[in-house]
């Protein structure tokens, strides 16, 4: 997923960009509001998420958020040291999708990025029909919870379907093990890691596509779109 990071502190941006890159994001760094708006000009919907710092050198981040929202429906997460409730409410009223206060936990920020991008995908799911995801020859029908490969229905358990649907919402994006466990099993990572591995192995076997779900060592899993 392409991500636009709007942050005037180069040291903070470099450190965060490195973390995001390790989790599968293609990061574009803008150091000012004007630079961020220019980055959106060629393709307003080309970014999956915008991380917007409010303390920018050329204009207030709130103003930038308003301008971004007029140009695109891309999710915006405000990242700022302004922790008071009034600032949060103002940001959300301007169209921000989420509001993260510095200092933040990197894991929480990643979870919030995935959450807002996932909501966007659910509102406008790719595919030939509403509520449907297509990944190559794999068709995932969300309303009926049915999966087929080349037209043949593949019976999946409830958790197998939930796992596949989660990964298919953002092909190519790495989902952390902790996030998957939280989303699919509604529990914490401890003691559930082996269960996740078993379900991934089962999906690869049932779909007869062992390369569809890629293991990213030390991080998690991502769904790889088959070559055309």
C-alpha atoms as a PDB file:
ATOM      1  CA  UNK A   1       0.000   0.000   0.000  1.00  0.00           C
ATOM      2  CA  UNK A   2       1.213   3.497  -0.826  1.00  0.00           C
ATOM      3  CA  UNK A   3       1.253   5.797   2.197  1.00  0.00           C
ATOM      4  CA  UNK A   4       1.789   9.567   2.325  1.00  0.00           C
ATOM      5  CA  UNK A   5       3.685  10.651   5.457  1.00  0.00           C
ATOM      6  CA  UNK A   6       3.415  14.379   6.158  1.00  0.00           C
ATOM      7  CA  UNK A   7       6.058  15.168   8.788  1.00  0.00           C
ATOM      8  CA  UNK A   8       8.457  18.119   8.978  1.00  0.00           C
ATOM      9  CA  UNK A   9      10.974  16.407  11.295  1.00  0.00           C
ATOM     10  CA  UNK A  10      13.337  14.452   9.037  1.00  0.00           C
ATOM     11  CA  UNK A  11      14.642  12.245  11.864  1.00  0.00           C
ATOM     12  CA  UNK A  12      11.139  11.229  12.946  1.00  0.00           C
ATOM     13  CA  UNK A  13      10.109  10.678   9.326  1.00  0.00           C
ATOM     14  CA  UNK A  14      13.161   8.540   8.543  1.00  0.00           C
ATOM     15  CA  UNK A  15      12.644   6.295  11.559  1.00  0.00           C
ATOM     16  CA  UNK A  16       8.912   5.887  10.930  1.00  0.00           C
ATOM     17  CA  UNK A  17       9.415   5.341   7.187  1.00  0.00           C
ATOM     18  CA  UNK A  18      11.840   2.506   7.927  1.00  0.00           C
ATOM     19  CA  UNK A  19       9.305   0.804  10.204  1.00  0.00           C
ATOM     20  CA  UNK A  20       6.495   1.227   7.688  1.00  0.00           C
ATOM     21  CA  UNK A  21       8.654  -0.116   4.857  1.00  0.00           C
ATOM     22  CA  UNK A  22       9.397  -3.250   6.889  1.00  0.00           C
ATOM     23  CA  UNK A  23       5.640  -3.809   7.137  1.00  0.00           C
ATOM     24  CA  UNK A  24       5.062  -3.605   3.402  1.00  0.00           C
ATOM     25  CA  UNK A  25       4.236   0.092   2.907  1.00  0.00           C
ATOM     26  CA  UNK A  26       5.541   2.224   0.044  1.00  0.00           C
ATOM     27  CA  UNK A  27       6.123   5.557   1.820  1.00  0.00           C
ATOM     28  CA  UNK A  28       6.215   9.006   0.233  1.00  0.00           C
ATOM     29  CA  UNK A  29       7.522  11.681   2.618  1.00  0.00           C
ATOM     30  CA  UNK A  30       6.238  15.259   2.439  1.00  0.00           C
ATOM     31  CA  UNK A  31       7.856  17.861   4.721  1.00  0.00           C
ATOM     32  CA  UNK A  32       5.178  20.544   4.458  1.00  0.00           C
ATOM     33  CA  UNK A  33       1.509  20.987   3.737  1.00  0.00           C
ATOM     34  CA  UNK A  34       2.177  22.334   0.258  1.00  0.00           C
ATOM     35  CA  UNK A  35       4.469  19.404  -0.555  1.00  0.00           C
ATOM     36  CA  UNK A  36       1.774  16.992   0.615  1.00  0.00           C
ATOM     37  CA  UNK A  37      -0.877  18.624  -1.556  1.00  0.00           C
ATOM     38  CA  UNK A  38       1.476  18.531  -4.571  1.00  0.00           C
ATOM     39  CA  UNK A  39       2.033  14.811  -3.986  1.00  0.00           C
ATOM     40  CA  UNK A  40      -1.722  14.271  -4.300  1.00  0.00           C
ATOM     41  CA  UNK A  41      -2.073  16.183  -7.576  1.00  0.00           C
ATOM     42  CA  UNK A  42      -1.139  13.458 -10.122  1.00  0.00           C
ATOM     43  CA  UNK A  43      -3.402  10.832  -8.532  1.00  0.00           C
ATOM     44  CA  UNK A  44      -5.551  12.003  -5.580  1.00  0.00           C
ATOM     45  CA  UNK A  45      -6.611   8.433  -4.776  1.00  0.00           C
ATOM     46  CA  UNK A  46      -3.194   6.894  -5.321  1.00  0.00           C
ATOM     47  CA  UNK A  47      -2.413   6.634  -1.601  1.00  0.00           C
ATOM     48  CA  UNK A  48      -4.018   4.134   0.748  1.00  0.00           C
ATOM     49  CA  UNK A  49      -3.581   6.333   3.854  1.00  0.00           C
ATOM     50  CA  UNK A  50      -2.261   9.793   4.742  1.00  0.00           C
ATOM     51  CA  UNK A  51      -0.387  10.201   8.056  1.00  0.00           C
ATOM     52  CA  UNK A  52      -0.643  13.913   8.811  1.00  0.00           C
ATOM     53  CA  UNK A  53       1.369  15.762  11.451  1.00  0.00           C
ATOM     54  CA  UNK A  54      -0.354  18.954  12.576  1.00  0.00           C
ATOM     55  CA  UNK A  55       2.759  21.009  13.374  1.00  0.00           C
ATOM     56  CA  UNK A  56       3.861  21.862   9.839  1.00  0.00           C
ATOM     57  CA  UNK A  57       6.161  24.771   8.909  1.00  0.00           C
ATOM     58  CA  UNK A  58       4.027  26.396   6.215  1.00  0.00           C
ATOM     59  CA  UNK A  59       0.407  25.923   7.303  1.00  0.00           C
ATOM     60  CA  UNK A  60      -1.613  24.370  10.074  1.00  0.00           C
ATOM     61  CA  UNK A  61      -2.262  20.650   9.718  1.00  0.00           C
ATOM     62  CA  UNK A  62      -5.984  21.194  10.240  1.00  0.00           C
ATOM     63  CA  UNK A  63      -6.047  23.406   7.159  1.00  0.00           C
ATOM     64  CA  UNK A  64      -4.139  20.783   5.189  1.00  0.00           C
ATOM     65  CA  UNK A  65      -6.598  18.097   6.276  1.00  0.00           C
ATOM     66  CA  UNK A  66      -9.505  20.164   5.006  1.00  0.00           C
ATOM     67  CA  UNK A  67      -7.818  20.634   1.631  1.00  0.00           C
ATOM     68  CA  UNK A  68      -6.990  16.929   1.364  1.00  0.00           C
ATOM     69  CA  UNK A  69     -10.562  15.980   2.158  1.00  0.00           C
ATOM     70  CA  UNK A  70     -11.833  18.223  -0.660  1.00  0.00           C
ATOM     71  CA  UNK A  71      -9.578  16.419  -3.143  1.00  0.00           C
ATOM     72  CA  UNK A  72      -9.861  12.785  -2.131  1.00  0.00           C
ATOM     73  CA  UNK A  73     -11.590  10.258   0.106  1.00  0.00           C
ATOM     74  CA  UNK A  74      -8.251   8.718   1.121  1.00  0.00           C
ATOM     75  CA  UNK A  75      -8.217   7.977   4.876  1.00  0.00           C
ATOM     76  CA  UNK A  76      -6.347  10.595   6.946  1.00  0.00           C
ATOM     77  CA  UNK A  77      -4.807   9.812  10.327  1.00  0.00           C
ATOM     78  CA  UNK A  78      -3.710  12.884  12.278  1.00  0.00           C
ATOM     79  CA  UNK A  79      -0.511  12.311  14.254  1.00  0.00           C
ATOM     80  CA  UNK A  80       0.188  15.034  16.789  1.00  0.00           C
ATOM     81  CA  UNK A  81       1.220  15.966  20.311  1.00  0.00           C
ATOM     82  CA  UNK A  82      -2.051  17.868  20.806  1.00  0.00           C
ATOM     83  CA  UNK A  83      -3.800  15.539  23.232  1.00  0.00           C
ATOM     84  CA  UNK A  84      -6.738  17.684  24.399  1.00  0.00           C
ATOM     85  CA  UNK A  85     -10.249  16.555  23.538  1.00  0.00           C
ATOM     86  CA  UNK A  86     -11.124  19.792  21.721  1.00  0.00           C
ATOM     87  CA  UNK A  87      -8.248  19.303  19.268  1.00  0.00           C
ATOM     88  CA  UNK A  88      -9.319  15.721  18.595  1.00  0.00           C
ATOM     89  CA  UNK A  89     -12.926  16.716  17.978  1.00  0.00           C
ATOM     90  CA  UNK A  90     -11.842  19.523  15.651  1.00  0.00           C
ATOM     91  CA  UNK A  91      -9.666  17.142  13.634  1.00  0.00           C
ATOM     92  CA  UNK A  92     -12.399  14.553  13.290  1.00  0.00           C
ATOM     93  CA  UNK A  93     -14.927  17.212  12.318  1.00  0.00           C
ATOM     94  CA  UNK A  94     -12.600  18.313   9.504  1.00  0.00           C
ATOM     95  CA  UNK A  95     -12.726  14.820   8.058  1.00  0.00           C
ATOM     96  CA  UNK A  96      -9.857  12.966   9.712  1.00  0.00           C
ATOM     97  CA  UNK A  97     -10.533   9.243  10.032  1.00  0.00           C
ATOM     98  CA  UNK A  98      -8.442   8.794  13.175  1.00  0.00           C
ATOM     99  CA  UNK A  99      -6.299  10.778  15.606  1.00  0.00           C
ATOM    100  CA  UNK A 100      -3.083   9.433  17.190  1.00  0.00           C
ATOM    101  CA  UNK A 101      -1.325  11.295  19.989  1.00  0.00           C
ATOM    102  CA  UNK A 102       2.481  11.405  20.272  1.00  0.00           C
ATOM    103  CA  UNK A 103       4.307   9.575  21.707  1.00  0.00           C
ATOM    104  CA  UNK A 104       2.552   6.530  20.330  1.00  0.00           C
ATOM    105  CA  UNK A 105       3.234   2.820  20.213  1.00  0.00           C
ATOM    106  CA  UNK A 106       4.289   1.768  16.711  1.00  0.00           C
ATOM    107  CA  UNK A 107       2.174  -1.371  16.898  1.00  0.00           C
ATOM    108  CA  UNK A 108      -0.910   0.674  17.696  1.00  0.00           C
ATOM    109  CA  UNK A 109      -0.209   3.062  14.806  1.00  0.00           C
ATOM    110  CA  UNK A 110       0.115   0.134  12.386  1.00  0.00           C
ATOM    111  CA  UNK A 111      -3.145  -1.334  13.670  1.00  0.00           C
ATOM    112  CA  UNK A 112      -4.916   1.996  13.163  1.00  0.00           C
ATOM    113  CA  UNK A 113      -3.537   2.304   9.608  1.00  0.00           C
ATOM    114  CA  UNK A 114      -4.859  -1.136   8.753  1.00  0.00           C
ATOM    115  CA  UNK A 115      -8.186  -0.383  10.439  1.00  0.00           C
ATOM    116  CA  UNK A 116      -8.953   2.805   8.480  1.00  0.00           C
ATOM    117  CA  UNK A 117      -7.778   1.300   5.190  1.00  0.00           C
ATOM    118  CA  UNK A 118      -9.877  -1.796   5.817  1.00  0.00           C
ATOM    119  CA  UNK A 119     -12.989   0.301   6.438  1.00  0.00           C
ATOM    120  CA  UNK A 120     -12.408   2.016   3.091  1.00  0.00           C
ATOM    121  CA  UNK A 121     -12.094  -1.314   1.301  1.00  0.00           C
ATOM    122  CA  UNK A 122     -15.291  -2.598   2.903  1.00  0.00           C
ATOM    123  CA  UNK A 123     -17.183   0.486   1.742  1.00  0.00           C
ATOM    124  CA  UNK A 124     -15.993   0.010  -1.845  1.00  0.00           C
ATOM    125  CA  UNK A 125     -14.883  -3.584  -2.237  1.00  0.00           C
ATOM    126  CA  UNK A 126     -13.038  -4.367  -5.482  1.00  0.00           C
ATOM    127  CA  UNK A 127     -14.444  -6.997  -7.818  1.00  0.00           C
ATOM    128  CA  UNK A 128     -17.264  -7.438 -10.235  1.00  0.00           C
ATOM    129  CA  UNK A 129     -20.006  -7.104  -7.639  1.00  0.00           C
ATOM    130  CA  UNK A 130     -20.787  -5.460  -4.317  1.00  0.00           C
ATOM    131  CA  UNK A 131     -19.405  -7.327  -1.313  1.00  0.00           C
ATOM    132  CA  UNK A 132     -17.020  -9.371  -3.422  1.00  0.00           C
ATOM    133  CA  UNK A 133     -13.226  -9.648  -3.491  1.00  0.00           C
ATOM    134  CA  UNK A 134     -11.299 -11.112  -6.425  1.00  0.00           C
ATOM    135  CA  UNK A 135      -7.670 -12.163  -6.255  1.00  0.00           C
ATOM    136  CA  UNK A 136      -6.730 -13.736  -9.561  1.00  0.00           C
ATOM    137  CA  UNK A 137      -8.854 -16.879  -9.908  1.00  0.00           C
ATOM    138  CA  UNK A 138      -9.972 -16.655  -6.266  1.00  0.00           C
ATOM    139  CA  UNK A 139     -13.425 -15.190  -5.667  1.00  0.00           C
ATOM    140  CA  UNK A 140     -14.492 -14.258  -2.124  1.00  0.00           C
ATOM    141  CA  UNK A 141     -18.183 -13.466  -1.629  1.00  0.00           C
ATOM    142  CA  UNK A 142     -18.465 -11.610   1.659  1.00  0.00           C
ATOM    143  CA  UNK A 143     -22.283 -11.687   2.150  1.00  0.00           C
ATOM    144  CA  UNK A 144     -22.542 -15.456   1.591  1.00  0.00           C
ATOM    145  CA  UNK A 145     -19.066 -16.257   3.001  1.00  0.00           C
ATOM    146  CA  UNK A 146     -18.345 -18.422  -0.025  1.00  0.00           C
ATOM    147  CA  UNK A 147     -14.955 -18.884  -1.693  1.00  0.00           C
ATOM    148  CA  UNK A 148     -14.364 -20.331  -5.141  1.00  0.00           C
ATOM    149  CA  UNK A 149     -11.295 -20.947  -7.306  1.00  0.00           C
ATOM    150  CA  UNK A 150     -11.837 -20.974 -11.078  1.00  0.00           C
ATOM    151  CA  UNK A 151     -15.559 -21.282 -10.382  1.00  0.00           C
ATOM    152  CA  UNK A 152     -15.262 -24.300  -8.065  1.00  0.00           C
ATOM    153  CA  UNK A 153     -16.475 -23.726  -4.511  1.00  0.00           C
ATOM    154  CA  UNK A 154     -13.857 -24.393  -1.816  1.00  0.00           C
ATOM    155  CA  UNK A 155     -15.384 -25.283   1.595  1.00  0.00           C
ATOM    156  CA  UNK A 156     -13.680 -23.312   4.366  1.00  0.00           C
ATOM    157  CA  UNK A 157     -14.176 -23.172   8.111  1.00  0.00           C
ATOM    158  CA  UNK A 158     -15.391 -19.922   9.648  1.00  0.00           C
ATOM    159  CA  UNK A 159     -11.919 -18.873  10.801  1.00  0.00           C
ATOM    160  CA  UNK A 160     -10.304 -19.879   7.518  1.00  0.00           C
ATOM    161  CA  UNK A 161     -12.755 -17.640   5.663  1.00  0.00           C
ATOM    162  CA  UNK A 162     -12.206 -14.746   8.088  1.00  0.00           C
ATOM    163  CA  UNK A 163      -8.433 -15.073   7.726  1.00  0.00           C
ATOM    164  CA  UNK A 164      -8.530 -15.173   3.929  1.00  0.00           C
ATOM    165  CA  UNK A 165     -10.982 -12.259   3.723  1.00  0.00           C
ATOM    166  CA  UNK A 166      -8.776 -10.164   6.015  1.00  0.00           C
ATOM    167  CA  UNK A 167      -5.638 -10.721   3.942  1.00  0.00           C
ATOM    168  CA  UNK A 168      -7.536 -10.233   0.669  1.00  0.00           C
ATOM    169  CA  UNK A 169      -8.702  -6.768   1.684  1.00  0.00           C
ATOM    170  CA  UNK A 170      -5.181  -5.435   1.082  1.00  0.00           C
ATOM    171  CA  UNK A 171      -3.209  -7.700  -1.273  1.00  0.00           C
ATOM    172  CA  UNK A 172       0.523  -7.160  -0.899  1.00  0.00           C
ATOM    173  CA  UNK A 173       0.225  -5.501   2.517  1.00  0.00           C
ATOM    174  CA  UNK A 174       1.836  -7.335   5.422  1.00  0.00           C
ATOM    175  CA  UNK A 175      -0.535  -8.066   8.297  1.00  0.00           C
ATOM    176  CA  UNK A 176       1.240  -8.558  11.624  1.00  0.00           C
ATOM    177  CA  UNK A 177       0.582 -11.822  13.455  1.00  0.00           C
ATOM    178  CA  UNK A 178      -0.722  -9.911  16.461  1.00  0.00           C
ATOM    179  CA  UNK A 179      -3.162  -7.971  14.302  1.00  0.00           C
ATOM    180  CA  UNK A 180      -4.464 -11.105  12.575  1.00  0.00           C
ATOM    181  CA  UNK A 181      -5.032 -12.849  15.913  1.00  0.00           C
ATOM    182  CA  UNK A 182      -6.836  -9.789  17.244  1.00  0.00           C
ATOM    183  CA  UNK A 183      -9.043  -9.389  14.145  1.00  0.00           C
ATOM    184  CA  UNK A 184      -9.883 -13.033  13.457  1.00  0.00           C
ATOM    185  CA  UNK A 185      -9.820 -14.628  16.909  1.00  0.00           C
ATOM    186  CA  UNK A 186     -10.617 -11.517  19.018  1.00  0.00           C
ATOM    187  CA  UNK A 187      -7.904 -12.429  21.479  1.00  0.00           C
ATOM    188  CA  UNK A 188      -4.238 -11.701  22.225  1.00  0.00           C
ATOM    189  CA  UNK A 189      -1.226 -13.234  20.517  1.00  0.00           C
ATOM    190  CA  UNK A 190      -0.029 -15.341  23.443  1.00  0.00           C
ATOM    191  CA  UNK A 191      -0.781 -19.014  23.003  1.00  0.00           C
ATOM    192  CA  UNK A 192      -2.540 -18.540  19.657  1.00  0.00           C
ATOM    193  CA  UNK A 193       0.446 -18.395  17.300  1.00  0.00           C
ATOM    194  CA  UNK A 194       0.365 -22.092  16.440  1.00  0.00           C
ATOM    195  CA  UNK A 195      -3.354 -21.853  15.630  1.00  0.00           C
ATOM    196  CA  UNK A 196      -2.642 -19.134  13.065  1.00  0.00           C
ATOM    197  CA  UNK A 197       0.098 -21.201  11.416  1.00  0.00           C
ATOM    198  CA  UNK A 198      -2.228 -24.203  11.145  1.00  0.00           C
ATOM    199  CA  UNK A 199      -4.980 -22.122   9.523  1.00  0.00           C
ATOM    200  CA  UNK A 200      -2.560 -20.600   7.016  1.00  0.00           C
ATOM    201  CA  UNK A 201      -1.300 -24.076   6.077  1.00  0.00           C
ATOM    202  CA  UNK A 202      -4.869 -25.314   5.722  1.00  0.00           C
ATOM    203  CA  UNK A 203      -5.817 -22.417   3.428  1.00  0.00           C
ATOM    204  CA  UNK A 204      -2.811 -23.030   1.187  1.00  0.00           C
ATOM    205  CA  UNK A 205      -3.774 -26.684   0.926  1.00  0.00           C
ATOM    206  CA  UNK A 206      -7.510 -26.219   0.338  1.00  0.00           C
ATOM    207  CA  UNK A 207      -7.043 -23.500  -2.257  1.00  0.00           C
ATOM    208  CA  UNK A 208      -4.213 -25.487  -3.873  1.00  0.00           C
ATOM    209  CA  UNK A 209      -2.258 -22.256  -4.117  1.00  0.00           C
ATOM    210  CA  UNK A 210       0.696 -22.527  -1.701  1.00  0.00           C
ATOM    211  CA  UNK A 211       2.209 -19.250  -2.939  1.00  0.00           C
ATOM    212  CA  UNK A 212      -0.972 -17.221  -2.433  1.00  0.00           C
ATOM    213  CA  UNK A 213      -0.227 -16.491   1.242  1.00  0.00           C
ATOM    214  CA  UNK A 214       3.367 -15.462   1.831  1.00  0.00           C
ATOM    215  CA  UNK A 215       5.076 -15.704   5.217  1.00  0.00           C
ATOM    216  CA  UNK A 216       7.039 -12.565   6.087  1.00  0.00           C
ATOM    217  CA  UNK A 217       9.545 -13.878   8.588  1.00  0.00           C
ATOM    218  CA  UNK A 218       9.372 -12.226  11.990  1.00  0.00           C
ATOM    219  CA  UNK A 219       6.385 -10.061  11.028  1.00  0.00           C
ATOM    220  CA  UNK A 220       3.325 -11.871   9.699  1.00  0.00           C
ATOM    221  CA  UNK A 221       1.624 -12.756   6.419  1.00  0.00           C
ATOM    222  CA  UNK A 222       0.512 -11.144   3.197  1.00  0.00           C
ATOM    223  CA  UNK A 223      -1.586 -12.235   0.268  1.00  0.00           C
ATOM    224  CA  UNK A 224       0.294 -12.248  -3.050  1.00  0.00           C
ATOM    225  CA  UNK A 225      -1.703 -11.595  -6.195  1.00  0.00           C
ATOM    226  CA  UNK A 226      -0.983 -14.296  -8.805  1.00  0.00           C
ATOM    227  CA  UNK A 227       0.832 -13.147 -11.930  1.00  0.00           C
ATOM    228  CA  UNK A 228      -1.494 -12.518 -14.849  1.00  0.00           C
END
